Amino acid sequence: MDINTMRSAVTLLAFCCFVGIVAWAWSRRNQAEFDEAAQLPFRQDD
């Protein structure tokens, strides 16, 4: 296996991971959890 083939494989794997993370972050299924987490600093615990 050539070093350039290995570099290409690692680059492709990193890109696929990046696309997977972006898809997960923009998923509507997770929107409610992210909205709740975004409001945590503004919560007033009495």
PDB file of N, CA and C in Angstrom:
ATOM      1  N   MET A   1       0.848  -1.178   0.000  1.00  0.00           N
ATOM      2  CA  MET A   1       0.000   0.000   0.000  1.00  0.00           C
ATOM      3  C   MET A   1       0.889   1.236   0.000  1.00  0.00           C
ATOM      4  N   ASP A   2       0.640   2.099  -0.924  1.00  0.00           N
ATOM      5  CA  ASP A   2       1.394   3.339  -1.078  1.00  0.00           C
ATOM      6  C   ASP A   2       0.973   4.362  -0.020  1.00  0.00           C
ATOM      7  N   ILE A   3       1.886   5.248   0.364  1.00  0.00           N
ATOM      8  CA  ILE A   3       1.574   6.255   1.386  1.00  0.00           C
ATOM      9  C   ILE A   3       0.483   7.211   0.907  1.00  0.00           C
ATOM     10  N   ASN A   4       0.467   7.501  -0.392  1.00  0.00           N
ATOM     11  CA  ASN A   4      -0.566   8.397  -0.918  1.00  0.00           C
ATOM     12  C   ASN A   4      -1.943   7.741  -0.898  1.00  0.00           C
ATOM     13  N   THR A   5      -2.007   6.451  -1.089  1.00  0.00           N
ATOM     14  CA  THR A   5      -3.273   5.725  -0.977  1.00  0.00           C
ATOM     15  C   THR A   5      -3.770   5.764   0.458  1.00  0.00           C
ATOM     16  N   MET A   6      -2.844   5.599   1.385  1.00  0.00           N
ATOM     17  CA  MET A   6      -3.205   5.661   2.806  1.00  0.00           C
ATOM     18  C   MET A   6      -3.700   7.055   3.173  1.00  0.00           C
ATOM     19  N   ARG A   7      -3.039   8.081   2.685  1.00  0.00           N
ATOM     20  CA  ARG A   7      -3.472   9.454   2.962  1.00  0.00           C
ATOM     21  C   ARG A   7      -4.859   9.715   2.389  1.00  0.00           C
ATOM     22  N   SER A   8      -5.112   9.221   1.197  1.00  0.00           N
ATOM     23  CA  SER A   8      -6.430   9.388   0.575  1.00  0.00           C
ATOM     24  C   SER A   8      -7.506   8.676   1.385  1.00  0.00           C
ATOM     25  N   ALA A   9      -7.204   7.487   1.864  1.00  0.00           N
ATOM     26  CA  ALA A   9      -8.172   6.730   2.654  1.00  0.00           C
ATOM     27  C   ALA A   9      -8.488   7.448   3.964  1.00  0.00           C
ATOM     28  N   VAL A  10      -7.479   7.978   4.617  1.00  0.00           N
ATOM     29  CA  VAL A  10      -7.692   8.692   5.878  1.00  0.00           C
ATOM     30  C   VAL A  10      -8.476   9.979   5.639  1.00  0.00           C
ATOM     31  N   THR A  11      -8.176  10.673   4.554  1.00  0.00           N
ATOM     32  CA  THR A  11      -8.918  11.888   4.219  1.00  0.00           C
ATOM     33  C   THR A  11     -10.377  11.571   3.942  1.00  0.00           C
ATOM     34  N   LEU A  12     -10.640  10.516   3.200  1.00  0.00           N
ATOM     35  CA  LEU A  12     -12.012  10.111   2.909  1.00  0.00           C
ATOM     36  C   LEU A  12     -12.743   9.708   4.181  1.00  0.00           C
ATOM     37  N   LEU A  13     -12.086   8.981   5.058  1.00  0.00           N
ATOM     38  CA  LEU A  13     -12.695   8.584   6.330  1.00  0.00           C
ATOM     39  C   LEU A  13     -13.021   9.805   7.193  1.00  0.00           C
ATOM     40  N   ALA A  14     -12.111  10.773   7.259  1.00  0.00           N
ATOM     41  CA  ALA A  14     -12.355  11.983   8.041  1.00  0.00           C
ATOM     42  C   ALA A  14     -13.515  12.787   7.459  1.00  0.00           C
ATOM     43  N   PHE A  15     -13.584  12.844   6.135  1.00  0.00           N
ATOM     44  CA  PHE A  15     -14.683  13.572   5.494  1.00  0.00           C
ATOM     45  C   PHE A  15     -16.018  12.889   5.777  1.00  0.00           C
ATOM     46  N   CYS A  16     -16.049  11.567   5.718  1.00  0.00           N
ATOM     47  CA  CYS A  16     -17.281  10.839   6.017  1.00  0.00           C
ATOM     48  C   CYS A  16     -17.713  11.055   7.465  1.00  0.00           C
ATOM     49  N   CYS A  17     -16.767  11.070   8.381  1.00  0.00           N
ATOM     50  CA  CYS A  17     -17.090  11.357   9.784  1.00  0.00           C
ATOM     51  C   CYS A  17     -17.643  12.763   9.943  1.00  0.00           C
ATOM     52  N   PHE A  18     -17.055  13.726   9.246  1.00  0.00           N
ATOM     53  CA  PHE A  18     -17.521  15.106   9.303  1.00  0.00           C
ATOM     54  C   PHE A  18     -18.953  15.215   8.789  1.00  0.00           C
ATOM     55  N   VAL A  19     -19.233  14.592   7.657  1.00  0.00           N
ATOM     56  CA  VAL A  19     -20.580  14.628   7.085  1.00  0.00           C
ATOM     57  C   VAL A  19     -21.570  13.950   8.034  1.00  0.00           C
ATOM     58  N   GLY A  20     -21.161  12.857   8.668  1.00  0.00           N
ATOM     59  CA  GLY A  20     -22.033  12.182   9.626  1.00  0.00           C
ATOM     60  C   GLY A  20     -22.354  13.050  10.835  1.00  0.00           C
ATOM     61  N   ILE A  21     -21.370  13.763  11.341  1.00  0.00           N
ATOM     62  CA  ILE A  21     -21.593  14.645  12.493  1.00  0.00           C
ATOM     63  C   ILE A  21     -22.506  15.802  12.109  1.00  0.00           C
ATOM     64  N   VAL A  22     -22.304  16.379  10.937  1.00  0.00           N
ATOM     65  CA  VAL A  22     -23.162  17.475  10.476  1.00  0.00           C
ATOM     66  C   VAL A  22     -24.595  16.986  10.294  1.00  0.00           C
ATOM     67  N   ALA A  23     -24.766  15.821   9.713  1.00  0.00           N
ATOM     68  CA  ALA A  23     -26.114  15.266   9.529  1.00  0.00           C
ATOM     69  C   ALA A  23     -26.784  15.005  10.872  1.00  0.00           C
ATOM     70  N   TRP A  24     -26.018  14.505  11.837  1.00  0.00           N
ATOM     71  CA  TRP A  24     -26.582  14.256  13.168  1.00  0.00           C
ATOM     72  C   TRP A  24     -26.979  15.566  13.850  1.00  0.00           C
ATOM     73  N   ALA A  25     -26.138  16.586  13.710  1.00  0.00           N
ATOM     74  CA  ALA A  25     -26.410  17.861  14.381  1.00  0.00           C
ATOM     75  C   ALA A  25     -27.620  18.564  13.790  1.00  0.00           C
ATOM     76  N   TRP A  26     -27.867  18.403  12.510  1.00  0.00           N
ATOM     77  CA  TRP A  26     -28.995  19.078  11.848  1.00  0.00           C
ATOM     78  C   TRP A  26     -30.234  18.206  11.762  1.00  0.00           C
ATOM     79  N   SER A  27     -30.206  17.033  12.379  1.00  0.00           N
ATOM     80  CA  SER A  27     -31.343  16.128  12.347  1.00  0.00           C
ATOM     81  C   SER A  27     -32.502  16.705  13.151  1.00  0.00           C
ATOM     82  N   ARG A  28     -33.689  16.629  12.590  1.00  0.00           N
ATOM     83  CA  ARG A  28     -34.876  17.131  13.298  1.00  0.00           C
ATOM     84  C   ARG A  28     -35.181  16.300  14.536  1.00  0.00           C
ATOM     85  N   ARG A  29     -34.738  15.055  14.549  1.00  0.00           N
ATOM     86  CA  ARG A  29     -34.984  14.183  15.693  1.00  0.00           C
ATOM     87  C   ARG A  29     -34.295  14.705  16.943  1.00  0.00           C
ATOM     88  N   ASN A  30     -33.175  15.405  16.794  1.00  0.00           N
ATOM     89  CA  ASN A  30     -32.413  15.921  17.930  1.00  0.00           C
ATOM     90  C   ASN A  30     -32.736  17.374  18.260  1.00  0.00           C
ATOM     91  N   GLN A  31     -33.606  17.988  17.509  1.00  0.00           N
ATOM     92  CA  GLN A  31     -33.871  19.418  17.676  1.00  0.00           C
ATOM     93  C   GLN A  31     -34.409  19.755  19.065  1.00  0.00           C
ATOM     94  N   ALA A  32     -35.299  18.961  19.584  1.00  0.00           N
ATOM     95  CA  ALA A  32     -35.872  19.248  20.908  1.00  0.00           C
ATOM     96  C   ALA A  32     -34.798  19.205  22.001  1.00  0.00           C
ATOM     97  N   GLU A  33     -33.921  18.228  21.925  1.00  0.00           N
ATOM     98  CA  GLU A  33     -32.849  18.132  22.925  1.00  0.00           C
ATOM     99  C   GLU A  33     -31.894  19.317  22.839  1.00  0.00           C
ATOM    100  N   PHE A  34     -31.559  19.733  21.616  1.00  0.00           N
ATOM    101  CA  PHE A  34     -30.647  20.856  21.443  1.00  0.00           C
ATOM    102  C   PHE A  34     -31.295  22.168  21.878  1.00  0.00           C
ATOM    103  N   ASP A  35     -32.596  22.328  21.614  1.00  0.00           N
ATOM    104  CA  ASP A  35     -33.290  23.537  22.071  1.00  0.00           C
ATOM    105  C   ASP A  35     -33.318  23.612  23.591  1.00  0.00           C
ATOM    106  N   GLU A  36     -33.551  22.485  24.229  1.00  0.00           N
ATOM    107  CA  GLU A  36     -33.546  22.447  25.696  1.00  0.00           C
ATOM    108  C   GLU A  36     -32.150  22.765  26.240  1.00  0.00           C
ATOM    109  N   ALA A  37     -31.132  22.211  25.635  1.00  0.00           N
ATOM    110  CA  ALA A  37     -29.760  22.463  26.081  1.00  0.00           C
ATOM    111  C   ALA A  37     -29.370  23.929  25.858  1.00  0.00           C
ATOM    112  N   ALA A  38     -29.901  24.548  24.825  1.00  0.00           N
ATOM    113  CA  ALA A  38     -29.584  25.950  24.551  1.00  0.00           C
ATOM    114  C   ALA A  38     -30.184  26.877  25.611  1.00  0.00           C
ATOM    115  N   GLN A  39     -31.250  26.447  26.266  1.00  0.00           N
ATOM    116  CA  GLN A  39     -31.910  27.274  27.269  1.00  0.00           C
ATOM    117  C   GLN A  39     -31.358  27.073  28.681  1.00  0.00           C
ATOM    118  N   LEU A  40     -30.463  26.127  28.866  1.00  0.00           N
ATOM    119  CA  LEU A  40     -29.922  25.844  30.204  1.00  0.00           C
ATOM    120  C   LEU A  40     -29.279  27.052  30.881  1.00  0.00           C
ATOM    121  N   PRO A  41     -28.504  27.892  30.198  1.00  0.00           N
ATOM    122  CA  PRO A  41     -27.890  29.034  30.896  1.00  0.00           C
ATOM    123  C   PRO A  41     -28.902  30.074  31.386  1.00  0.00           C
ATOM    124  N   PHE A  42     -30.103  30.053  30.831  1.00  0.00           N
ATOM    125  CA  PHE A  42     -31.100  31.078  31.180  1.00  0.00           C
ATOM    126  C   PHE A  42     -32.119  30.587  32.197  1.00  0.00           C
ATOM    127  N   ARG A  43     -32.017  29.345  32.617  1.00  0.00           N
ATOM    128  CA  ARG A  43     -32.978  28.772  33.556  1.00  0.00           C
ATOM    129  C   ARG A  43     -32.792  29.354  34.952  1.00  0.00           C
ATOM    130  N   GLN A  44     -33.879  29.611  35.614  1.00  0.00           N
ATOM    131  CA  GLN A  44     -33.876  30.074  36.987  1.00  0.00           C
ATOM    132  C   GLN A  44     -34.318  28.926  37.894  1.00  0.00           C
ATOM    133  N   ASP A  45     -33.382  28.378  38.643  1.00  0.00           N
ATOM    134  CA  ASP A  45     -33.733  27.301  39.582  1.00  0.00           C
ATOM    135  C   ASP A  45     -34.064  27.926  40.933  1.00  0.00           C
ATOM    136  N   ASP A  46     -35.284  27.733  41.358  1.00  0.00           N
ATOM    137  CA  ASP A  46     -35.726  28.321  42.648  1.00  0.00           C
ATOM    138  C   ASP A  46     -35.665  27.301  43.752  1.00  0.00           C
TER     139      ASP A  46
END
